[in-house]
Protein backbone atom coordinates (compact mmCIF):
# COMPACT_ATOMS: atom_id res chain seq x y z
CA MET A 1 95.68 63.00 94.20
CA PRO A 2 94.11 65.13 91.48
CA ALA A 3 94.50 69.09 91.64
CA THR A 4 91.76 71.13 92.99
CA GLN A 5 89.93 73.76 90.75
CA THR A 6 91.67 76.45 93.10
CA GLU A 7 95.26 74.81 92.37
CA ILE A 8 94.46 74.62 88.55
CA GLU A 9 93.55 78.38 88.57
CA PHE A 10 96.56 79.44 90.61
CA ARG A 11 99.00 77.36 88.30
CA SER A 12 97.48 79.06 85.36
CA ARG A 13 98.11 82.47 86.47
CA ARG A 14 101.59 81.57 87.83
CA GLY A 15 102.95 79.76 84.62
CA GLY A 16 102.04 76.09 85.72
CA ALA A 17 104.02 76.14 89.06
CA SER A 18 102.17 75.41 92.34
CA GLN A 19 102.95 77.41 95.43
CA ASN A 20 105.02 74.36 96.63
CA ASP A 21 107.07 74.17 93.43
CA ARG A 22 107.85 77.94 93.64
CA LEU A 23 108.88 77.86 97.19
CA ARG A 24 110.93 74.84 96.75
CA SER A 25 112.72 76.49 93.95
CA ILE A 26 113.55 79.42 96.01
CA PHE A 27 114.94 77.48 98.84
CA LEU A 28 117.04 75.44 96.48
CA ALA A 29 118.47 78.57 94.87
CA CYS A 30 119.34 80.02 98.43
CA PRO A 31 120.48 77.33 100.73
CA GLY A 32 121.39 78.65 104.25
CA VAL A 33 119.82 82.07 103.50
CA TRP A 34 117.42 83.58 105.90
CA LEU A 35 114.40 84.63 103.87
CA ALA A 36 111.64 86.88 105.39
CA MET A 37 108.13 85.62 105.25
CA PRO A 38 106.83 88.78 103.42
CA THR A 39 109.27 88.19 100.56
CA LEU A 40 108.50 84.48 100.20
CA ALA A 41 104.84 85.23 100.36
CA ARG A 42 105.14 87.91 97.47
CA GLU A 43 107.31 85.30 95.38
CA ILE A 44 104.70 82.32 95.75
CA GLY A 45 101.61 84.67 95.65
CA ALA A 46 100.05 83.76 98.82
CA TYR A 47 100.60 84.37 102.58
CA ALA A 48 100.20 80.70 103.32
CA VAL A 49 104.05 80.27 103.71
CA HIS A 50 103.95 78.52 106.91
CA SER A 51 101.66 75.86 105.36
CA ARG A 52 103.74 75.52 102.37
CA VAL A 53 107.01 75.12 104.37
CA SER A 54 105.12 72.24 106.16
CA ASP A 55 104.40 70.62 102.87
CA LEU A 56 108.09 70.83 101.88
CA ARG A 57 109.25 69.29 105.08
CA ILE A 58 106.74 66.38 104.67
CA ARG A 59 106.82 65.82 100.78
CA TYR A 60 110.49 66.30 100.13
CA GLY A 61 112.06 65.96 103.64
CA MET A 62 113.70 69.29 103.25
CA ARG A 63 115.16 70.77 106.65
CA ILE A 64 113.74 74.30 106.89
CA GLU A 65 114.50 76.27 109.99
CA THR A 66 111.99 79.03 111.32
CA SER A 67 113.05 82.20 113.18
CA CYS A 68 110.45 84.34 114.83
CA SER A 69 111.17 87.73 116.62
CA VAL A 70 109.10 90.58 118.00
CA ASP A 71 109.97 94.17 117.33
CA PRO A 72 110.10 95.55 120.95
CA TYR A 73 108.75 99.04 119.95
CA THR A 74 105.74 97.96 117.73
CA GLY A 75 104.97 94.41 119.06
CA GLN A 76 105.06 93.28 115.23
CA ARG A 77 106.26 89.63 114.73
CA HIS A 78 108.82 88.90 111.93
CA SER A 79 109.10 85.53 110.53
CA ALA A 80 111.94 84.12 108.42
CA TYR A 81 112.91 80.82 107.07
CA ARG A 82 116.14 79.19 105.91
CA TYR A 83 116.78 75.77 103.95
CA LEU A 84 119.59 73.57 105.29
CA PRO A 85 120.30 71.18 102.53
CA PHE A 86 123.00 69.32 105.02
CA ALA A 87 122.75 68.90 108.65
CA ALA A 88 125.35 70.81 110.62
CA PRO A 89 128.03 68.52 111.99
CA LEU A 90 127.65 67.63 115.81
CA GLN A 91 130.28 69.19 117.96
CA THR A 92 131.31 67.21 120.98
CA ALA A 93 132.60 68.48 124.21
CA GLY A 94 136.58 68.84 124.02
CA ALA A 95 136.69 68.59 120.19
CA MET A 96 138.37 72.07 119.40
């Protein structure tokens, strides 16, 4: 699928990398680390982090977890994501 004009303009401002490319690089560099949504948005240059995470899950089969919490005092939501390159081993009952 050819790049849209918007994507071409974005890549020209960001050194040729798409938002997906930049986000994928961040996750690959920080496996298992929770990364706050505002930090990721700043790094990829857009607040479409959830959509880009969805793209990475579909296109690259990346296992990315989402955490969402609400500040009890302000009601503000906080989202974070982490990439898990390997599935955690299953723990069976009695296996200790």
